[in-house]
């Protein structure tokens, strides 16, 4: 018996957004859906300097693709190394591989603003320095779409909280799966 219907668009999560200065400028992208991918591919044909904010899986993959297409790429992350969940050894290897292919990897830093009037022209870092950019990819991870469950009585904590069997911790008759499920151990 289903008590809660899934979202009409079928999406369990969305790209995590950044609401700082310049976030809505032309040339700022996120990547979650096919349309986002197609728009980014088209932007690669016109852009020359890409700053990627977020060195997780998406950020690292886009950095490699952009370099192969001839763009100058800077990869930023507040974490001490790329691919944080995989640990420092793999993160260091990933950083070295990107650097060997011409990516400027800068970890332990964040952005303060995206600069420009109507279109991106650069990124201001938290230390006040600036990077030139005509494209910015915000690859900040995913945010579960749980708003529709706010009044459901289910425990929500960056997703629907489940045990290892994907049974919700709030109701043994309800299972959650996919991007919206969060298994806490």
C-alpha atoms as a PDB file:
ATOM      1  CA  UNK A   1       0.000   0.000   0.000  1.00  0.00           C
ATOM      2  CA  UNK A   2       1.567   3.270  -1.100  1.00  0.00           C
ATOM      3  CA  UNK A   3       0.949   6.209   1.200  1.00  0.00           C
ATOM      4  CA  UNK A   4       3.311   8.629  -0.510  1.00  0.00           C
ATOM      5  CA  UNK A   5       3.499   9.070  -4.263  1.00  0.00           C
ATOM      6  CA  UNK A   6       6.850   9.725  -5.940  1.00  0.00           C
ATOM      7  CA  UNK A   7       7.624  13.114  -7.444  1.00  0.00           C
ATOM      8  CA  UNK A   8       5.987  13.672 -10.804  1.00  0.00           C
ATOM      9  CA  UNK A   9       9.327  14.395 -12.482  1.00  0.00           C
ATOM     10  CA  UNK A  10      10.891  11.255 -11.005  1.00  0.00           C
ATOM     11  CA  UNK A  11      13.863  13.200  -9.655  1.00  0.00           C
ATOM     12  CA  UNK A  12      15.272  12.092  -6.339  1.00  0.00           C
ATOM     13  CA  UNK A  13      17.762  14.942  -6.184  1.00  0.00           C
ATOM     14  CA  UNK A  14      18.897  18.139  -7.864  1.00  0.00           C
ATOM     15  CA  UNK A  15      22.228  19.843  -8.307  1.00  0.00           C
ATOM     16  CA  UNK A  16      23.255  21.652  -5.120  1.00  0.00           C
ATOM     17  CA  UNK A  17      23.131  25.355  -5.820  1.00  0.00           C
ATOM     18  CA  UNK A  18      25.350  28.254  -4.792  1.00  0.00           C
ATOM     19  CA  UNK A  19      23.658  31.580  -4.118  1.00  0.00           C
ATOM     20  CA  UNK A  20      26.671  33.872  -3.878  1.00  0.00           C
ATOM     21  CA  UNK A  21      27.335  36.972  -5.971  1.00  0.00           C
ATOM     22  CA  UNK A  22      27.268  36.263  -9.716  1.00  0.00           C
ATOM     23  CA  UNK A  23      25.546  32.877  -9.485  1.00  0.00           C
ATOM     24  CA  UNK A  24      22.982  33.868 -12.112  1.00  0.00           C
ATOM     25  CA  UNK A  25      25.422  35.237 -14.696  1.00  0.00           C
ATOM     26  CA  UNK A  26      25.464  33.854 -18.207  1.00  0.00           C
ATOM     27  CA  UNK A  27      28.201  31.248 -18.481  1.00  0.00           C
ATOM     28  CA  UNK A  28      27.497  29.681 -15.058  1.00  0.00           C
ATOM     29  CA  UNK A  29      26.412  26.046 -15.338  1.00  0.00           C
ATOM     30  CA  UNK A  30      25.330  23.116 -13.195  1.00  0.00           C
ATOM     31  CA  UNK A  31      25.185  19.542 -14.400  1.00  0.00           C
ATOM     32  CA  UNK A  32      22.352  17.216 -13.475  1.00  0.00           C
ATOM     33  CA  UNK A  33      20.227  16.498 -16.547  1.00  0.00           C
ATOM     34  CA  UNK A  34      20.813  15.835 -20.233  1.00  0.00           C
ATOM     35  CA  UNK A  35      19.864  19.419 -21.122  1.00  0.00           C
ATOM     36  CA  UNK A  36      22.567  20.675 -18.722  1.00  0.00           C
ATOM     37  CA  UNK A  37      25.111  18.421 -20.418  1.00  0.00           C
ATOM     38  CA  UNK A  38      24.152  19.619 -23.892  1.00  0.00           C
ATOM     39  CA  UNK A  39      24.337  23.270 -22.818  1.00  0.00           C
ATOM     40  CA  UNK A  40      27.779  22.712 -21.294  1.00  0.00           C
ATOM     41  CA  UNK A  41      29.015  20.944 -24.424  1.00  0.00           C
ATOM     42  CA  UNK A  42      27.859  23.891 -26.513  1.00  0.00           C
ATOM     43  CA  UNK A  43      29.528  26.334 -24.118  1.00  0.00           C
ATOM     44  CA  UNK A  44      32.831  24.437 -24.498  1.00  0.00           C
ATOM     45  CA  UNK A  45      32.852  25.431 -28.177  1.00  0.00           C
ATOM     46  CA  UNK A  46      32.825  29.139 -27.303  1.00  0.00           C
ATOM     47  CA  UNK A  47      34.655  29.208 -23.959  1.00  0.00           C
ATOM     48  CA  UNK A  48      38.379  29.110 -23.365  1.00  0.00           C
ATOM     49  CA  UNK A  49      38.781  29.302 -19.579  1.00  0.00           C
ATOM     50  CA  UNK A  50      36.705  27.066 -17.307  1.00  0.00           C
ATOM     51  CA  UNK A  51      36.644  27.204 -13.528  1.00  0.00           C
ATOM     52  CA  UNK A  52      35.038  24.174 -11.905  1.00  0.00           C
ATOM     53  CA  UNK A  53      33.895  24.602  -8.324  1.00  0.00           C
ATOM     54  CA  UNK A  54      33.811  21.139  -6.784  1.00  0.00           C
ATOM     55  CA  UNK A  55      36.351  18.350  -7.256  1.00  0.00           C
ATOM     56  CA  UNK A  56      34.021  15.415  -6.768  1.00  0.00           C
ATOM     57  CA  UNK A  57      33.184  12.892  -9.466  1.00  0.00           C
ATOM     58  CA  UNK A  58      31.338  15.340 -11.757  1.00  0.00           C
ATOM     59  CA  UNK A  59      33.923  18.112 -11.372  1.00  0.00           C
ATOM     60  CA  UNK A  60      36.832  15.766 -12.081  1.00  0.00           C
ATOM     61  CA  UNK A  61      35.145  14.170 -15.105  1.00  0.00           C
ATOM     62  CA  UNK A  62      34.250  17.544 -16.612  1.00  0.00           C
ATOM     63  CA  UNK A  63      37.804  18.804 -15.999  1.00  0.00           C
ATOM     64  CA  UNK A  64      39.219  15.881 -17.995  1.00  0.00           C
ATOM     65  CA  UNK A  65      36.715  16.372 -20.822  1.00  0.00           C
ATOM     66  CA  UNK A  66      37.282  20.130 -20.998  1.00  0.00           C
ATOM     67  CA  UNK A  67      41.074  19.691 -21.177  1.00  0.00           C
ATOM     68  CA  UNK A  68      40.657  17.200 -24.032  1.00  0.00           C
ATOM     69  CA  UNK A  69      38.639  19.871 -25.835  1.00  0.00           C
ATOM     70  CA  UNK A  70      41.448  22.385 -25.351  1.00  0.00           C
ATOM     71  CA  UNK A  71      40.015  24.566 -22.570  1.00  0.00           C
ATOM     72  CA  UNK A  72      42.161  25.968 -19.775  1.00  0.00           C
ATOM     73  CA  UNK A  73      40.755  24.409 -16.607  1.00  0.00           C
ATOM     74  CA  UNK A  74      41.010  25.299 -12.933  1.00  0.00           C
ATOM     75  CA  UNK A  75      39.498  22.798 -10.508  1.00  0.00           C
ATOM     76  CA  UNK A  76      38.631  24.195  -7.053  1.00  0.00           C
ATOM     77  CA  UNK A  77      37.426  22.510  -3.883  1.00  0.00           C
ATOM     78  CA  UNK A  78      37.191  23.404  -0.212  1.00  0.00           C
ATOM     79  CA  UNK A  79      38.306  19.849   0.626  1.00  0.00           C
ATOM     80  CA  UNK A  80      42.013  19.065   1.027  1.00  0.00           C
ATOM     81  CA  UNK A  81      42.004  16.824  -2.068  1.00  0.00           C
ATOM     82  CA  UNK A  82      39.739  15.791  -4.963  1.00  0.00           C
ATOM     83  CA  UNK A  83      37.254  12.939  -4.557  1.00  0.00           C
ATOM     84  CA  UNK A  84      37.100  13.420  -0.780  1.00  0.00           C
ATOM     85  CA  UNK A  85      35.102  10.245   0.062  1.00  0.00           C
ATOM     86  CA  UNK A  86      37.772   8.074  -1.594  1.00  0.00           C
ATOM     87  CA  UNK A  87      40.465   9.234   0.826  1.00  0.00           C
ATOM     88  CA  UNK A  88      43.683  11.221   0.634  1.00  0.00           C
ATOM     89  CA  UNK A  89      45.767   8.673  -1.294  1.00  0.00           C
ATOM     90  CA  UNK A  90      43.331   8.344  -4.199  1.00  0.00           C
ATOM     91  CA  UNK A  91      42.614  12.088  -3.992  1.00  0.00           C
ATOM     92  CA  UNK A  92      46.312  12.887  -4.360  1.00  0.00           C
ATOM     93  CA  UNK A  93      46.614  10.516  -7.315  1.00  0.00           C
ATOM     94  CA  UNK A  94      43.601  12.126  -8.953  1.00  0.00           C
ATOM     95  CA  UNK A  95      45.071  15.611  -8.433  1.00  0.00           C
ATOM     96  CA  UNK A  96      48.423  14.513  -9.876  1.00  0.00           C
ATOM     97  CA  UNK A  97      46.748  12.959 -12.917  1.00  0.00           C
ATOM     98  CA  UNK A  98      44.767  16.128 -13.606  1.00  0.00           C
ATOM     99  CA  UNK A  99      47.853  18.306 -13.139  1.00  0.00           C
ATOM    100  CA  UNK A 100      49.809  16.092 -15.542  1.00  0.00           C
ATOM    101  CA  UNK A 101      47.143  16.870 -18.146  1.00  0.00           C
ATOM    102  CA  UNK A 102      47.293  20.619 -17.543  1.00  0.00           C
ATOM    103  CA  UNK A 103      44.495  21.157 -15.016  1.00  0.00           C
ATOM    104  CA  UNK A 104      45.240  23.737 -12.307  1.00  0.00           C
ATOM    105  CA  UNK A 105      44.045  21.925  -9.151  1.00  0.00           C
ATOM    106  CA  UNK A 106      43.473  24.110  -6.099  1.00  0.00           C
ATOM    107  CA  UNK A 107      42.183  22.410  -2.991  1.00  0.00           C
ATOM    108  CA  UNK A 108      41.471  23.969   0.387  1.00  0.00           C
ATOM    109  CA  UNK A 109      39.954  27.046  -1.232  1.00  0.00           C
ATOM    110  CA  UNK A 110      36.507  28.331  -2.034  1.00  0.00           C
ATOM    111  CA  UNK A 111      34.924  31.058  -4.107  1.00  0.00           C
ATOM    112  CA  UNK A 112      33.660  34.360  -2.743  1.00  0.00           C
ATOM    113  CA  UNK A 113      32.030  35.605  -5.955  1.00  0.00           C
ATOM    114  CA  UNK A 114      31.595  34.980  -9.639  1.00  0.00           C
ATOM    115  CA  UNK A 115      32.634  38.142 -11.436  1.00  0.00           C
ATOM    116  CA  UNK A 116      31.068  39.812 -14.445  1.00  0.00           C
ATOM    117  CA  UNK A 117      28.293  42.119 -15.602  1.00  0.00           C
ATOM    118  CA  UNK A 118      25.959  39.990 -17.727  1.00  0.00           C
ATOM    119  CA  UNK A 119      28.454  37.221 -18.447  1.00  0.00           C
ATOM    120  CA  UNK A 120      31.152  35.526 -16.388  1.00  0.00           C
ATOM    121  CA  UNK A 121      34.605  37.084 -16.669  1.00  0.00           C
ATOM    122  CA  UNK A 122      36.219  35.539 -13.609  1.00  0.00           C
ATOM    123  CA  UNK A 123      35.995  34.087 -10.125  1.00  0.00           C
ATOM    124  CA  UNK A 124      37.068  35.713  -6.872  1.00  0.00           C
ATOM    125  CA  UNK A 125      38.529  33.242  -4.372  1.00  0.00           C
ATOM    126  CA  UNK A 126      38.106  33.396  -0.604  1.00  0.00           C
ATOM    127  CA  UNK A 127      41.618  34.867  -0.256  1.00  0.00           C
ATOM    128  CA  UNK A 128      40.698  37.810  -2.524  1.00  0.00           C
ATOM    129  CA  UNK A 129      42.642  36.590  -5.558  1.00  0.00           C
ATOM    130  CA  UNK A 130      40.931  36.328  -8.928  1.00  0.00           C
ATOM    131  CA  UNK A 131      40.921  33.751 -11.709  1.00  0.00           C
ATOM    132  CA  UNK A 132      39.964  34.594 -15.287  1.00  0.00           C
ATOM    133  CA  UNK A 133      37.053  32.512 -16.570  1.00  0.00           C
ATOM    134  CA  UNK A 134      34.458  32.708 -19.296  1.00  0.00           C
ATOM    135  CA  UNK A 135      32.723  29.538 -18.044  1.00  0.00           C
ATOM    136  CA  UNK A 136      32.024  28.309 -14.522  1.00  0.00           C
ATOM    137  CA  UNK A 137      30.675  24.905 -13.570  1.00  0.00           C
ATOM    138  CA  UNK A 138      29.187  24.627 -10.080  1.00  0.00           C
ATOM    139  CA  UNK A 139      29.726  20.931  -9.286  1.00  0.00           C
ATOM    140  CA  UNK A 140      28.771  21.056  -5.626  1.00  0.00           C
ATOM    141  CA  UNK A 141      27.083  17.686  -5.347  1.00  0.00           C
ATOM    142  CA  UNK A 142      23.448  16.721  -5.123  1.00  0.00           C
ATOM    143  CA  UNK A 143      20.658  17.804  -2.824  1.00  0.00           C
ATOM    144  CA  UNK A 144      17.824  15.330  -2.206  1.00  0.00           C
ATOM    145  CA  UNK A 145      14.313  16.438  -3.171  1.00  0.00           C
ATOM    146  CA  UNK A 146      12.601  15.850   0.151  1.00  0.00           C
ATOM    147  CA  UNK A 147      10.485  19.010   0.391  1.00  0.00           C
ATOM    148  CA  UNK A 148       7.372  17.107  -0.673  1.00  0.00           C
ATOM    149  CA  UNK A 149       7.876  14.801   2.333  1.00  0.00           C
ATOM    150  CA  UNK A 150       8.250  17.575   4.921  1.00  0.00           C
ATOM    151  CA  UNK A 151       4.897  16.824   6.629  1.00  0.00           C
ATOM    152  CA  UNK A 152       4.982  13.059   6.057  1.00  0.00           C
ATOM    153  CA  UNK A 153       6.292  12.091   9.488  1.00  0.00           C
ATOM    154  CA  UNK A 154       9.355  10.467   7.897  1.00  0.00           C
ATOM    155  CA  UNK A 155      12.765  11.245   9.344  1.00  0.00           C
ATOM    156  CA  UNK A 156      14.605  13.540   6.938  1.00  0.00           C
ATOM    157  CA  UNK A 157      18.310  14.242   7.188  1.00  0.00           C
ATOM    158  CA  UNK A 158      19.812  15.107   3.797  1.00  0.00           C
ATOM    159  CA  UNK A 159      17.450  12.473   2.394  1.00  0.00           C
ATOM    160  CA  UNK A 160      14.923   9.985   3.758  1.00  0.00           C
ATOM    161  CA  UNK A 161      16.668   8.201   6.625  1.00  0.00           C
ATOM    162  CA  UNK A 162      16.716   4.426   6.104  1.00  0.00           C
ATOM    163  CA  UNK A 163      18.384   1.368   7.523  1.00  0.00           C
ATOM    164  CA  UNK A 164      20.591  -0.946   5.448  1.00  0.00           C
ATOM    165  CA  UNK A 165      17.492  -2.599   3.911  1.00  0.00           C
ATOM    166  CA  UNK A 166      16.193   0.824   2.694  1.00  0.00           C
ATOM    167  CA  UNK A 167      13.347   0.635   5.201  1.00  0.00           C
ATOM    168  CA  UNK A 168      12.639   4.085   6.592  1.00  0.00           C
ATOM    169  CA  UNK A 169      13.535   4.525  10.239  1.00  0.00           C
ATOM    170  CA  UNK A 170      10.168   6.203  10.834  1.00  0.00           C
ATOM    171  CA  UNK A 171       7.818   3.600   9.352  1.00  0.00           C
ATOM    172  CA  UNK A 172       8.640  -0.072   8.724  1.00  0.00           C
ATOM    173  CA  UNK A 173       6.059  -0.195   5.912  1.00  0.00           C
ATOM    174  CA  UNK A 174       7.812   2.439   3.812  1.00  0.00           C
ATOM    175  CA  UNK A 175      10.939   1.888   1.740  1.00  0.00           C
ATOM    176  CA  UNK A 176      13.001   4.548  -0.018  1.00  0.00           C
ATOM    177  CA  UNK A 177      15.426   3.930  -2.854  1.00  0.00           C
ATOM    178  CA  UNK A 178      17.644   5.903  -5.156  1.00  0.00           C
ATOM    179  CA  UNK A 179      18.969   9.408  -4.720  1.00  0.00           C
ATOM    180  CA  UNK A 180      16.494  10.331  -1.996  1.00  0.00           C
ATOM    181  CA  UNK A 181      17.473   7.469   0.363  1.00  0.00           C
ATOM    182  CA  UNK A 182      20.067   8.132   3.069  1.00  0.00           C
ATOM    183  CA  UNK A 183      21.359   5.101   4.904  1.00  0.00           C
ATOM    184  CA  UNK A 184      22.750   5.930   8.336  1.00  0.00           C
ATOM    185  CA  UNK A 185      24.768   3.322  10.126  1.00  0.00           C
END
